[in-house]
Amino acid sequence: MSVFSGMMPAIVTPVGDDGELNTKSFEHLLERTYAAGSSGMYVGGQTGEGPQLPASVRERAAEVAIANSPKGRSVIVHAGAGSTAEAVRLIRHASKAGAHGVSSLPPGSAYSYAEVRAYYEALAGASSVPLLVYYFPAVSAAIQTVEHVLDLCSIPNVVGLKFTDFDLYRLSLIQRAGHTILNGRDEVAAAGILMGAHGGIGSFYNLVPELFVKVYDDAQAGNWASARATQDKINDLIRAVLAFPAMGAIKKLLTWSGIDCGYPVLPRRALTPDEETGLRKAVEKAGFDPGGFLRS
């Protein structure tokens, strides 16, 4: 079994009007997603708006997530930043705070592969816990080939990667080389597991974690027809929500469901009143209650 496996929300970071972590809402969100069977949390990633938040807020979110995670669940802290120095700071904090693993997006789209590799070498060397690199070609084109990914996985203390792409053939080649892979495209969670992923990390796990856990459990049992049916239901929700700005929509749905997640962190914008009305209608048409996500 992989060091990291199962289904892990890329957890939303509730932020108050003062720009600080809304600790009460964050604890509530952690509690509800764990109660649904989540095997861990991915903290401070793109869905957690880590790149838009001050390091102090990111560190506080990591501490709260670690303190509120049951025994046997894994907390992976995303430490990606625009500079190697800040990423190393976040890595060291997460390691000291008790994270089970750390991860990072590449530093940006303007860097060469050699520069990206040096970035990951610095992060892996600064961490006392395993590091997952982050393959996301839509965000960073520097990591272009399977050979690049395998080379990054050869860095000491790198155990695998978060794989956010629809090329599941490529995913299978990396997994066959013996590396941990967590699928990052929510729309193909079931297919990713079929092709060798050890689990998944995703945005919509915040809303319907129990459905993603069901996909995983059915896949482990070889019940692929059920996994496919659940994936289709998930994808109905994804299509409805992605007709609107994603972070604003997800945070609004969580707020309507009783967990005040505030607004997206600037420069991302909140939904307009017309968009809120449209979101309610779209989610209802997809077969979901706009105020019923994560209700106790």
C-alpha atoms as a PDB file:
ATOM      1  CA  MET A   1       0.000   0.000   0.000  1.00  0.00           C
ATOM      2  CA  SER A   2       1.201   3.504  -0.811  1.00  0.00           C
ATOM      3  CA  VAL A   3       2.367   5.805   1.977  1.00  0.00           C
ATOM      4  CA  PHE A   4      -0.531   8.042   0.892  1.00  0.00           C
ATOM      5  CA  SER A   5      -3.746   6.494  -0.351  1.00  0.00           C
ATOM      6  CA  GLY A   6      -7.481   7.085  -0.380  1.00  0.00           C
ATOM      7  CA  MET A   7      -9.465  10.226  -1.046  1.00  0.00           C
ATOM      8  CA  MET A   8      -8.285  13.572   0.314  1.00  0.00           C
ATOM      9  CA  PRO A   9     -10.100  16.886  -0.084  1.00  0.00           C
ATOM     10  CA  ALA A  10      -7.998  19.755  -1.360  1.00  0.00           C
ATOM     11  CA  ILE A  11      -9.532  21.528   1.567  1.00  0.00           C
ATOM     12  CA  VAL A  12     -11.024  25.015   1.241  1.00  0.00           C
ATOM     13  CA  THR A  13      -9.540  27.670   3.521  1.00  0.00           C
ATOM     14  CA  PRO A  14     -12.330  29.739   5.153  1.00  0.00           C
ATOM     15  CA  VAL A  15     -11.105  33.308   5.478  1.00  0.00           C
ATOM     16  CA  GLY A  16     -12.823  36.109   7.372  1.00  0.00           C
ATOM     17  CA  ASP A  17     -13.256  39.719   6.322  1.00  0.00           C
ATOM     18  CA  ASP A  18     -10.060  40.501   8.254  1.00  0.00           C
ATOM     19  CA  GLY A  19      -8.049  38.207   5.987  1.00  0.00           C
ATOM     20  CA  GLU A  20      -7.360  35.747   8.784  1.00  0.00           C
ATOM     21  CA  LEU A  21      -8.275  32.082   9.003  1.00  0.00           C
ATOM     22  CA  ASN A  22     -11.825  31.441  10.207  1.00  0.00           C
ATOM     23  CA  THR A  23     -10.725  28.703  12.574  1.00  0.00           C
ATOM     24  CA  LYS A  24     -14.205  27.677  13.704  1.00  0.00           C
ATOM     25  CA  SER A  25     -15.438  27.150  10.138  1.00  0.00           C
ATOM     26  CA  PHE A  26     -12.229  25.374   9.162  1.00  0.00           C
ATOM     27  CA  GLU A  27     -12.555  22.956  12.068  1.00  0.00           C
ATOM     28  CA  HIS A  28     -16.195  22.322  11.121  1.00  0.00           C
ATOM     29  CA  LEU A  29     -15.228  21.618   7.510  1.00  0.00           C
ATOM     30  CA  LEU A  30     -12.462  19.258   8.589  1.00  0.00           C
ATOM     31  CA  GLU A  31     -14.825  17.437  10.945  1.00  0.00           C
ATOM     32  CA  ARG A  32     -17.515  16.939   8.313  1.00  0.00           C
ATOM     33  CA  THR A  33     -15.186  15.803   5.534  1.00  0.00           C
ATOM     34  CA  TYR A  34     -13.456  13.347   7.863  1.00  0.00           C
ATOM     35  CA  ALA A  35     -16.840  12.063   9.036  1.00  0.00           C
ATOM     36  CA  ALA A  36     -17.595  11.243   5.395  1.00  0.00           C
ATOM     37  CA  GLY A  37     -14.590   8.911   5.304  1.00  0.00           C
ATOM     38  CA  SER A  38     -11.820  11.089   3.891  1.00  0.00           C
ATOM     39  CA  SER A  39      -8.420   9.500   4.403  1.00  0.00           C
ATOM     40  CA  GLY A  40      -6.590  12.790   4.791  1.00  0.00           C
ATOM     41  CA  MET A  41      -6.392  16.442   3.797  1.00  0.00           C
ATOM     42  CA  TYR A  42      -4.416  18.443   1.260  1.00  0.00           C
ATOM     43  CA  VAL A  43      -3.980  21.860   2.854  1.00  0.00           C
ATOM     44  CA  GLY A  44      -3.121  25.177   1.225  1.00  0.00           C
ATOM     45  CA  GLY A  45      -3.201  24.094  -2.404  1.00  0.00           C
ATOM     46  CA  GLN A  46      -4.890  25.958  -5.215  1.00  0.00           C
ATOM     47  CA  THR A  47      -8.352  25.128  -3.853  1.00  0.00           C
ATOM     48  CA  GLY A  48      -7.132  26.216  -0.425  1.00  0.00           C
ATOM     49  CA  GLU A  49      -5.934  29.443  -2.067  1.00  0.00           C
ATOM     50  CA  GLY A  50      -2.501  28.994  -0.542  1.00  0.00           C
ATOM     51  CA  PRO A  51      -0.702  30.953  -3.290  1.00  0.00           C
ATOM     52  CA  GLN A  52      -2.955  33.958  -2.588  1.00  0.00           C
ATOM     53  CA  LEU A  53      -2.635  33.856   1.209  1.00  0.00           C
ATOM     54  CA  PRO A  54       0.078  35.266   3.496  1.00  0.00           C
ATOM     55  CA  ALA A  55       2.503  32.695   4.862  1.00  0.00           C
ATOM     56  CA  SER A  56       1.208  33.303   8.403  1.00  0.00           C
ATOM     57  CA  VAL A  57      -2.345  32.282   7.405  1.00  0.00           C
ATOM     58  CA  ARG A  58      -1.049  29.247   5.518  1.00  0.00           C
ATOM     59  CA  GLU A  59       0.947  28.148   8.548  1.00  0.00           C
ATOM     60  CA  ARG A  60      -2.038  28.579  10.845  1.00  0.00           C
ATOM     61  CA  ALA A  61      -4.223  26.511   8.491  1.00  0.00           C
ATOM     62  CA  ALA A  62      -1.624  23.741   8.513  1.00  0.00           C
ATOM     63  CA  GLU A  63      -1.516  23.756  12.315  1.00  0.00           C
ATOM     64  CA  VAL A  64      -5.308  23.591  12.641  1.00  0.00           C
ATOM     65  CA  ALA A  65      -5.597  20.814  10.061  1.00  0.00           C
ATOM     66  CA  ILE A  66      -2.937  18.734  11.802  1.00  0.00           C
ATOM     67  CA  ALA A  67      -4.475  19.285  15.243  1.00  0.00           C
ATOM     68  CA  ASN A  68      -7.942  18.274  14.002  1.00  0.00           C
ATOM     69  CA  SER A  69      -7.026  15.184  11.999  1.00  0.00           C
ATOM     70  CA  PRO A  70      -7.863  11.801  13.558  1.00  0.00           C
ATOM     71  CA  LYS A  71      -5.208   9.192  14.099  1.00  0.00           C
ATOM     72  CA  GLY A  72      -4.454   7.254  10.948  1.00  0.00           C
ATOM     73  CA  ARG A  73      -5.351  10.086   8.557  1.00  0.00           C
ATOM     74  CA  SER A  74      -2.713  11.917   6.516  1.00  0.00           C
ATOM     75  CA  VAL A  75      -2.228  15.675   6.261  1.00  0.00           C
ATOM     76  CA  ILE A  76      -0.289  16.863   3.223  1.00  0.00           C
ATOM     77  CA  VAL A  77       0.619  20.553   3.294  1.00  0.00           C
ATOM     78  CA  HIS A  78       1.088  22.388   0.019  1.00  0.00           C
ATOM     79  CA  ALA A  79       4.022  24.776   0.330  1.00  0.00           C
ATOM     80  CA  GLY A  80       4.247  26.113  -3.213  1.00  0.00           C
ATOM     81  CA  ALA A  81       5.293  29.750  -3.438  1.00  0.00           C
ATOM     82  CA  GLY A  82       6.747  32.251  -5.862  1.00  0.00           C
ATOM     83  CA  SER A  83      10.183  31.995  -4.305  1.00  0.00           C
ATOM     84  CA  THR A  84      12.208  29.032  -3.147  1.00  0.00           C
ATOM     85  CA  ALA A  85      12.925  30.785   0.150  1.00  0.00           C
ATOM     86  CA  GLU A  86       9.244  31.146   1.055  1.00  0.00           C
ATOM     87  CA  ALA A  87       8.474  27.569  -0.018  1.00  0.00           C
ATOM     88  CA  VAL A  88      11.325  26.290   2.154  1.00  0.00           C
ATOM     89  CA  ARG A  89       9.954  28.310   5.092  1.00  0.00           C
ATOM     90  CA  LEU A  90       6.534  26.699   4.650  1.00  0.00           C
ATOM     91  CA  ILE A  91       8.059  23.230   4.232  1.00  0.00           C
ATOM     92  CA  ARG A  92      10.043  23.545   7.452  1.00  0.00           C
ATOM     93  CA  HIS A  93       7.023  24.807   9.344  1.00  0.00           C
ATOM     94  CA  ALA A  94       4.813  21.968   8.099  1.00  0.00           C
ATOM     95  CA  SER A  95       7.454  19.370   8.941  1.00  0.00           C
ATOM     96  CA  LYS A  96       7.877  20.746  12.459  1.00  0.00           C
ATOM     97  CA  ALA A  97       4.105  21.068  12.984  1.00  0.00           C
ATOM     98  CA  GLY A  98       3.539  17.364  12.346  1.00  0.00           C
ATOM     99  CA  ALA A  99       2.410  17.109   8.724  1.00  0.00           C
ATOM    100  CA  HIS A 100       2.663  13.626   7.248  1.00  0.00           C
ATOM    101  CA  GLY A 101       3.799  14.942   3.895  1.00  0.00           C
ATOM    102  CA  VAL A 102       4.390  18.123   1.921  1.00  0.00           C
ATOM    103  CA  SER A 103       3.816  19.086  -1.683  1.00  0.00           C
ATOM    104  CA  SER A 104       4.302  21.962  -4.083  1.00  0.00           C
ATOM    105  CA  LEU A 105       3.280  23.186  -7.468  1.00  0.00           C
ATOM    106  CA  PRO A 106       6.192  24.185  -9.678  1.00  0.00           C
ATOM    107  CA  PRO A 107       7.202  27.800  -8.943  1.00  0.00           C
ATOM    108  CA  GLY A 108       5.576  29.209 -12.102  1.00  0.00           C
ATOM    109  CA  SER A 109       5.315  28.972 -15.867  1.00  0.00           C
ATOM    110  CA  ALA A 110       8.390  31.049 -16.733  1.00  0.00           C
ATOM    111  CA  TYR A 111      11.020  28.621 -15.485  1.00  0.00           C
ATOM    112  CA  SER A 112      13.070  25.986 -17.275  1.00  0.00           C
ATOM    113  CA  TYR A 113      13.000  22.330 -16.307  1.00  0.00           C
ATOM    114  CA  ALA A 114      16.470  22.666 -14.741  1.00  0.00           C
ATOM    115  CA  GLU A 115      15.207  25.512 -12.561  1.00  0.00           C
ATOM    116  CA  VAL A 116      12.093  23.562 -11.550  1.00  0.00           C
ATOM    117  CA  ARG A 117      14.226  20.545 -10.647  1.00  0.00           C
ATOM    118  CA  ALA A 118      16.503  22.710  -8.488  1.00  0.00           C
ATOM    119  CA  TYR A 119      13.402  24.089  -6.752  1.00  0.00           C
ATOM    120  CA  TYR A 120      12.193  20.587  -5.864  1.00  0.00           C
ATOM    121  CA  GLU A 121      15.690  19.574  -4.727  1.00  0.00           C
ATOM    122  CA  ALA A 122      15.701  22.500  -2.284  1.00  0.00           C
ATOM    123  CA  LEU A 123      12.253  21.619  -0.947  1.00  0.00           C
ATOM    124  CA  ALA A 124      13.024  17.912  -0.575  1.00  0.00           C
ATOM    125  CA  GLY A 125      16.231  18.742   1.260  1.00  0.00           C
ATOM    126  CA  ALA A 126      14.442  21.090   3.662  1.00  0.00           C
ATOM    127  CA  SER A 127      11.709  18.604   4.577  1.00  0.00           C
ATOM    128  CA  SER A 128      11.818  15.935   7.266  1.00  0.00           C
ATOM    129  CA  VAL A 129       8.691  14.301   5.801  1.00  0.00           C
ATOM    130  CA  PRO A 130       8.028  12.896   2.312  1.00  0.00           C
ATOM    131  CA  LEU A 131       7.543  15.303  -0.593  1.00  0.00           C
ATOM    132  CA  LEU A 132       5.038  14.923  -3.422  1.00  0.00           C
ATOM    133  CA  VAL A 133       5.854  16.869  -6.563  1.00  0.00           C
ATOM    134  CA  TYR A 134       2.904  18.321  -8.464  1.00  0.00           C
ATOM    135  CA  TYR A 135       2.447  17.486 -12.131  1.00  0.00           C
ATOM    136  CA  PHE A 136      -0.024  19.990 -13.587  1.00  0.00           C
ATOM    137  CA  PRO A 137       0.873  20.780 -17.218  1.00  0.00           C
ATOM    138  CA  ALA A 138      -1.983  23.273 -17.568  1.00  0.00           C
ATOM    139  CA  VAL A 139      -0.214  25.440 -14.971  1.00  0.00           C
ATOM    140  CA  SER A 140       3.466  24.732 -15.625  1.00  0.00           C
ATOM    141  CA  ALA A 141       4.772  23.477 -18.962  1.00  0.00           C
ATOM    142  CA  ALA A 142       8.344  22.981 -17.742  1.00  0.00           C
ATOM    143  CA  ILE A 143       7.606  19.372 -16.750  1.00  0.00           C
ATOM    144  CA  GLN A 144       6.871  18.014 -20.219  1.00  0.00           C
ATOM    145  CA  THR A 145       7.577  14.292 -20.339  1.00  0.00           C
ATOM    146  CA  VAL A 146       7.270  11.078 -18.358  1.00  0.00           C
ATOM    147  CA  GLU A 147      11.062  11.129 -18.151  1.00  0.00           C
ATOM    148  CA  HIS A 148      10.913  14.540 -16.455  1.00  0.00           C
ATOM    149  CA  VAL A 149       8.450  13.203 -13.886  1.00  0.00           C
ATOM    150  CA  LEU A 150      10.519  10.092 -13.214  1.00  0.00           C
ATOM    151  CA  ASP A 151      13.613  12.250 -12.845  1.00  0.00           C
ATOM    152  CA  LEU A 152      11.874  14.435 -10.255  1.00  0.00           C
ATOM    153  CA  CYS A 153      10.734  11.301  -8.423  1.00  0.00           C
ATOM    154  CA  SER A 154      14.358  10.188  -8.204  1.00  0.00           C
ATOM    155  CA  ILE A 155      15.213  13.146  -5.945  1.00  0.00           C
ATOM    156  CA  PRO A 156      15.872  11.855  -2.410  1.00  0.00           C
ATOM    157  CA  ASN A 157      12.798  12.245  -0.158  1.00  0.00           C
ATOM    158  CA  VAL A 158      10.372  12.521  -3.124  1.00  0.00           C
ATOM    159  CA  VAL A 159       7.862   9.648  -2.899  1.00  0.00           C
ATOM    160  CA  GLY A 160       5.589  10.464  -5.817  1.00  0.00           C
ATOM    161  CA  LEU A 161       3.264  13.108  -7.088  1.00  0.00           C
ATOM    162  CA  LYS A 162      -0.120  14.724  -7.361  1.00  0.00           C
ATOM    163  CA  PHE A 163      -1.094  14.115 -10.976  1.00  0.00           C
ATOM    164  CA  THR A 164      -3.512  16.694 -12.399  1.00  0.00           C
ATOM    165  CA  ASP A 165      -4.015  15.829 -16.040  1.00  0.00           C
ATOM    166  CA  PHE A 166      -6.402  13.823 -18.191  1.00  0.00           C
ATOM    167  CA  ASP A 167      -3.617  11.733 -19.760  1.00  0.00           C
ATOM    168  CA  LEU A 168      -4.166   8.619 -17.679  1.00  0.00           C
ATOM    169  CA  TYR A 169      -1.880   6.547 -19.894  1.00  0.00           C
ATOM    170  CA  ARG A 170       0.946   8.758 -18.668  1.00  0.00           C
ATOM    171  CA  LEU A 171      -0.299   8.272 -15.102  1.00  0.00           C
ATOM    172  CA  SER A 172      -0.077   4.500 -15.540  1.00  0.00           C
ATOM    173  CA  LEU A 173       3.501   4.641 -16.798  1.00  0.00           C
ATOM    174  CA  ILE A 174       4.588   6.649 -13.762  1.00  0.00           C
ATOM    175  CA  GLN A 175       2.761   4.353 -11.350  1.00  0.00           C
ATOM    176  CA  ARG A 176       4.319   1.260 -12.935  1.00  0.00           C
ATOM    177  CA  ALA A 177       7.714   2.717 -12.082  1.00  0.00           C
ATOM    178  CA  GLY A 178       6.738   2.341  -8.417  1.00  0.00           C
ATOM    179  CA  HIS A 179       5.793   5.857  -7.418  1.00  0.00           C
ATOM    180  CA  THR A 180       2.859   7.054  -5.340  1.00  0.00           C
ATOM    181  CA  ILE A 181       0.262   8.852  -7.445  1.00  0.00           C
ATOM    182  CA  LEU A 182      -2.761  10.797  -6.230  1.00  0.00           C
ATOM    183  CA  ASN A 183      -5.115  11.677  -9.062  1.00  0.00           C
ATOM    184  CA  GLY A 184      -5.956  15.383  -9.273  1.00  0.00           C
ATOM    185  CA  ARG A 185      -8.707  15.548 -11.885  1.00  0.00           C
ATOM    186  CA  ASP A 186     -12.027  15.131 -10.089  1.00  0.00           C
ATOM    187  CA  GLU A 187     -13.825  14.271 -13.325  1.00  0.00           C
ATOM    188  CA  VAL A 188     -11.793  11.058 -13.768  1.00  0.00           C
ATOM    189  CA  ALA A 189     -11.328   9.895 -10.171  1.00  0.00           C
ATOM    190  CA  ALA A 190     -12.612   6.395 -10.941  1.00  0.00           C
ATOM    191  CA  ALA A 191     -10.611   6.084 -14.152  1.00  0.00           C
ATOM    192  CA  GLY A 192      -7.487   7.343 -12.438  1.00  0.00           C
ATOM    193  CA  ILE A 193      -7.725   4.595  -9.819  1.00  0.00           C
ATOM    194  CA  LEU A 194      -8.316   2.019 -12.540  1.00  0.00           C
ATOM    195  CA  MET A 195      -5.110   3.176 -14.233  1.00  0.00           C
ATOM    196  CA  GLY A 196      -3.072   2.903 -11.052  1.00  0.00           C
ATOM    197  CA  ALA A 197      -3.619   5.959  -8.846  1.00  0.00           C
ATOM    198  CA  HIS A 198      -3.487   5.216  -5.110  1.00  0.00           C
ATOM    199  CA  GLY A 199      -6.289   7.682  -4.463  1.00  0.00           C
ATOM    200  CA  GLY A 200      -7.182  11.259  -5.230  1.00  0.00           C
ATOM    201  CA  ILE A 201      -7.034  14.883  -4.166  1.00  0.00           C
ATOM    202  CA  GLY A 202      -9.621  17.347  -5.383  1.00  0.00           C
ATOM    203  CA  SER A 203     -11.747  20.448  -5.026  1.00  0.00           C
ATOM    204  CA  PHE A 204     -15.198  18.867  -5.200  1.00  0.00           C
ATOM    205  CA  TYR A 205     -14.301  16.536  -2.337  1.00  0.00           C
ATOM    206  CA  ASN A 206     -15.200  19.555  -0.164  1.00  0.00           C
ATOM    207  CA  LEU A 207     -18.811  19.296  -1.296  1.00  0.00           C
ATOM    208  CA  VAL A 208     -19.429  15.571  -1.759  1.00  0.00           C
ATOM    209  CA  PRO A 209     -16.619  13.705   0.025  1.00  0.00           C
ATOM    210  CA  GLU A 210     -18.866  10.702   0.615  1.00  0.00           C
ATOM    211  CA  LEU A 211     -19.287  10.231  -3.149  1.00  0.00           C
ATOM    212  CA  PHE A 212     -15.543  10.257  -3.763  1.00  0.00           C
ATOM    213  CA  VAL A 213     -15.033   7.814  -0.889  1.00  0.00           C
ATOM    214  CA  LYS A 214     -17.668   5.577  -2.475  1.00  0.00           C
ATOM    215  CA  VAL A 215     -15.820   5.705  -5.803  1.00  0.00           C
ATOM    216  CA  TYR A 216     -12.640   4.625  -4.027  1.00  0.00           C
ATOM    217  CA  ASP A 217     -14.298   1.863  -2.005  1.00  0.00           C
ATOM    218  CA  ASP A 218     -16.097   0.480  -5.058  1.00  0.00           C
ATOM    219  CA  ALA A 219     -12.864   0.577  -7.046  1.00  0.00           C
ATOM    220  CA  GLN A 220     -10.994  -1.312  -4.334  1.00  0.00           C
ATOM    221  CA  ALA A 221     -13.764  -3.928  -4.371  1.00  0.00           C
ATOM    222  CA  GLY A 222     -13.697  -4.167  -8.163  1.00  0.00           C
ATOM    223  CA  ASN A 223     -17.263  -2.880  -8.403  1.00  0.00           C
ATOM    224  CA  TRP A 224     -16.572  -0.720 -11.422  1.00  0.00           C
ATOM    225  CA  ALA A 225     -20.191  -0.325 -12.546  1.00  0.00           C
ATOM    226  CA  SER A 226     -21.059   1.312  -9.234  1.00  0.00           C
ATOM    227  CA  ALA A 227     -17.888   3.426  -9.313  1.00  0.00           C
ATOM    228  CA  ARG A 228     -18.782   4.635 -12.811  1.00  0.00           C
ATOM    229  CA  ALA A 229     -22.362   5.477 -11.788  1.00  0.00           C
ATOM    230  CA  THR A 230     -21.129   7.507  -8.812  1.00  0.00           C
ATOM    231  CA  GLN A 231     -18.570   9.249 -11.006  1.00  0.00           C
ATOM    232  CA  ASP A 232     -21.354  10.232 -13.403  1.00  0.00           C
ATOM    233  CA  LYS A 233     -23.288  11.768 -10.497  1.00  0.00           C
ATOM    234  CA  ILE A 234     -20.191  13.684  -9.383  1.00  0.00           C
ATOM    235  CA  ASN A 235     -19.650  14.940 -12.901  1.00  0.00           C
ATOM    236  CA  ASP A 236     -23.216  16.260 -13.085  1.00  0.00           C
ATOM    237  CA  LEU A 237     -22.361  18.441 -10.093  1.00  0.00           C
ATOM    238  CA  ILE A 238     -18.993  19.493 -11.533  1.00  0.00           C
ATOM    239  CA  ARG A 239     -20.559  20.619 -14.810  1.00  0.00           C
ATOM    240  CA  ALA A 240     -23.181  22.627 -12.936  1.00  0.00           C
ATOM    241  CA  VAL A 241     -20.695  24.382 -10.660  1.00  0.00           C
ATOM    242  CA  LEU A 242     -18.034  25.081 -13.297  1.00  0.00           C
ATOM    243  CA  ALA A 243     -20.510  27.210 -15.225  1.00  0.00           C
ATOM    244  CA  PHE A 244     -19.590  29.808 -12.567  1.00  0.00           C
ATOM    245  CA  PRO A 245     -16.291  31.037 -11.059  1.00  0.00           C
ATOM    246  CA  ALA A 246     -15.191  27.883  -9.271  1.00  0.00           C
ATOM    247  CA  MET A 247     -13.853  29.163  -5.955  1.00  0.00           C
ATOM    248  CA  GLY A 248     -16.697  31.601  -5.466  1.00  0.00           C
ATOM    249  CA  ALA A 249     -19.222  28.877  -6.223  1.00  0.00           C
ATOM    250  CA  ILE A 250     -17.688  26.230  -3.961  1.00  0.00           C
ATOM    251  CA  LYS A 251     -17.313  28.635  -1.047  1.00  0.00           C
ATOM    252  CA  LYS A 252     -20.872  29.876  -1.520  1.00  0.00           C
ATOM    253  CA  LEU A 253     -22.282  26.324  -1.540  1.00  0.00           C
ATOM    254  CA  LEU A 254     -20.417  25.517   1.669  1.00  0.00           C
ATOM    255  CA  THR A 255     -21.689  28.730   3.270  1.00  0.00           C
ATOM    256  CA  TRP A 256     -25.261  27.923   2.252  1.00  0.00           C
ATOM    257  CA  SER A 257     -24.744  24.512   3.871  1.00  0.00           C
ATOM    258  CA  GLY A 258     -23.848  26.008   7.249  1.00  0.00           C
ATOM    259  CA  ILE A 259     -20.061  26.365   7.047  1.00  0.00           C
ATOM    260  CA  ASP A 260     -19.188  30.029   6.583  1.00  0.00           C
ATOM    261  CA  CYS A 261     -16.246  30.019   4.181  1.00  0.00           C
ATOM    262  CA  GLY A 262     -16.294  33.717   3.352  1.00  0.00           C
ATOM    263  CA  TYR A 263     -15.334  34.954  -0.098  1.00  0.00           C
ATOM    264  CA  PRO A 264     -12.537  33.998  -2.472  1.00  0.00           C
ATOM    265  CA  VAL A 265      -9.174  35.578  -1.767  1.00  0.00           C
ATOM    266  CA  LEU A 266      -8.404  38.448  -4.126  1.00  0.00           C
ATOM    267  CA  PRO A 267      -7.789  38.676  -7.002  1.00  0.00           C
ATOM    268  CA  ARG A 268     -10.429  35.941  -7.362  1.00  0.00           C
ATOM    269  CA  ARG A 269     -13.896  37.469  -7.250  1.00  0.00           C
ATOM    270  CA  ALA A 270     -17.095  36.536  -5.486  1.00  0.00           C
ATOM    271  CA  LEU A 271     -20.275  35.597  -7.325  1.00  0.00           C
ATOM    272  CA  THR A 272     -22.705  38.312  -8.349  1.00  0.00           C
ATOM    273  CA  PRO A 273     -26.303  38.072  -7.062  1.00  0.00           C
ATOM    274  CA  ASP A 274     -27.423  36.874 -10.494  1.00  0.00           C
ATOM    275  CA  GLU A 275     -24.729  34.193 -10.469  1.00  0.00           C
ATOM    276  CA  GLU A 276     -25.817  33.053  -7.019  1.00  0.00           C
ATOM    277  CA  THR A 277     -29.353  32.605  -8.322  1.00  0.00           C
ATOM    278  CA  GLY A 278     -28.054  30.762 -11.357  1.00  0.00           C
ATOM    279  CA  LEU A 279     -25.866  28.530  -9.199  1.00  0.00           C
ATOM    280  CA  ARG A 280     -28.815  27.469  -7.069  1.00  0.00           C
ATOM    281  CA  LYS A 281     -30.829  26.567 -10.144  1.00  0.00           C
ATOM    282  CA  ALA A 282     -27.953  24.714 -11.819  1.00  0.00           C
ATOM    283  CA  VAL A 283     -27.147  22.643  -8.735  1.00  0.00           C
ATOM    284  CA  GLU A 284     -30.802  21.761  -8.223  1.00  0.00           C
ATOM    285  CA  LYS A 285     -31.109  20.730 -11.876  1.00  0.00           C
ATOM    286  CA  ALA A 286     -28.087  18.459 -11.380  1.00  0.00           C
ATOM    287  CA  GLY A 287     -29.968  16.696  -8.562  1.00  0.00           C
ATOM    288  CA  PHE A 288     -28.358  18.295  -5.512  1.00  0.00           C
ATOM    289  CA  ASP A 289     -29.633  20.529  -2.705  1.00  0.00           C
ATOM    290  CA  PRO A 290     -27.682  23.843  -2.842  1.00  0.00           C
ATOM    291  CA  GLY A 291     -27.900  24.121   0.941  1.00  0.00           C
ATOM    292  CA  GLY A 292     -27.484  20.457   1.731  1.00  0.00           C
ATOM    293  CA  PHE A 293     -23.768  19.823   1.258  1.00  0.00           C
ATOM    294  CA  LEU A 294     -22.039  18.500   4.385  1.00  0.00           C
ATOM    295  CA  ARG A 295     -25.151  18.852   6.514  1.00  0.00           C
ATOM    296  CA  SER A 296     -25.006  16.846   9.729  1.00  0.00           C
END
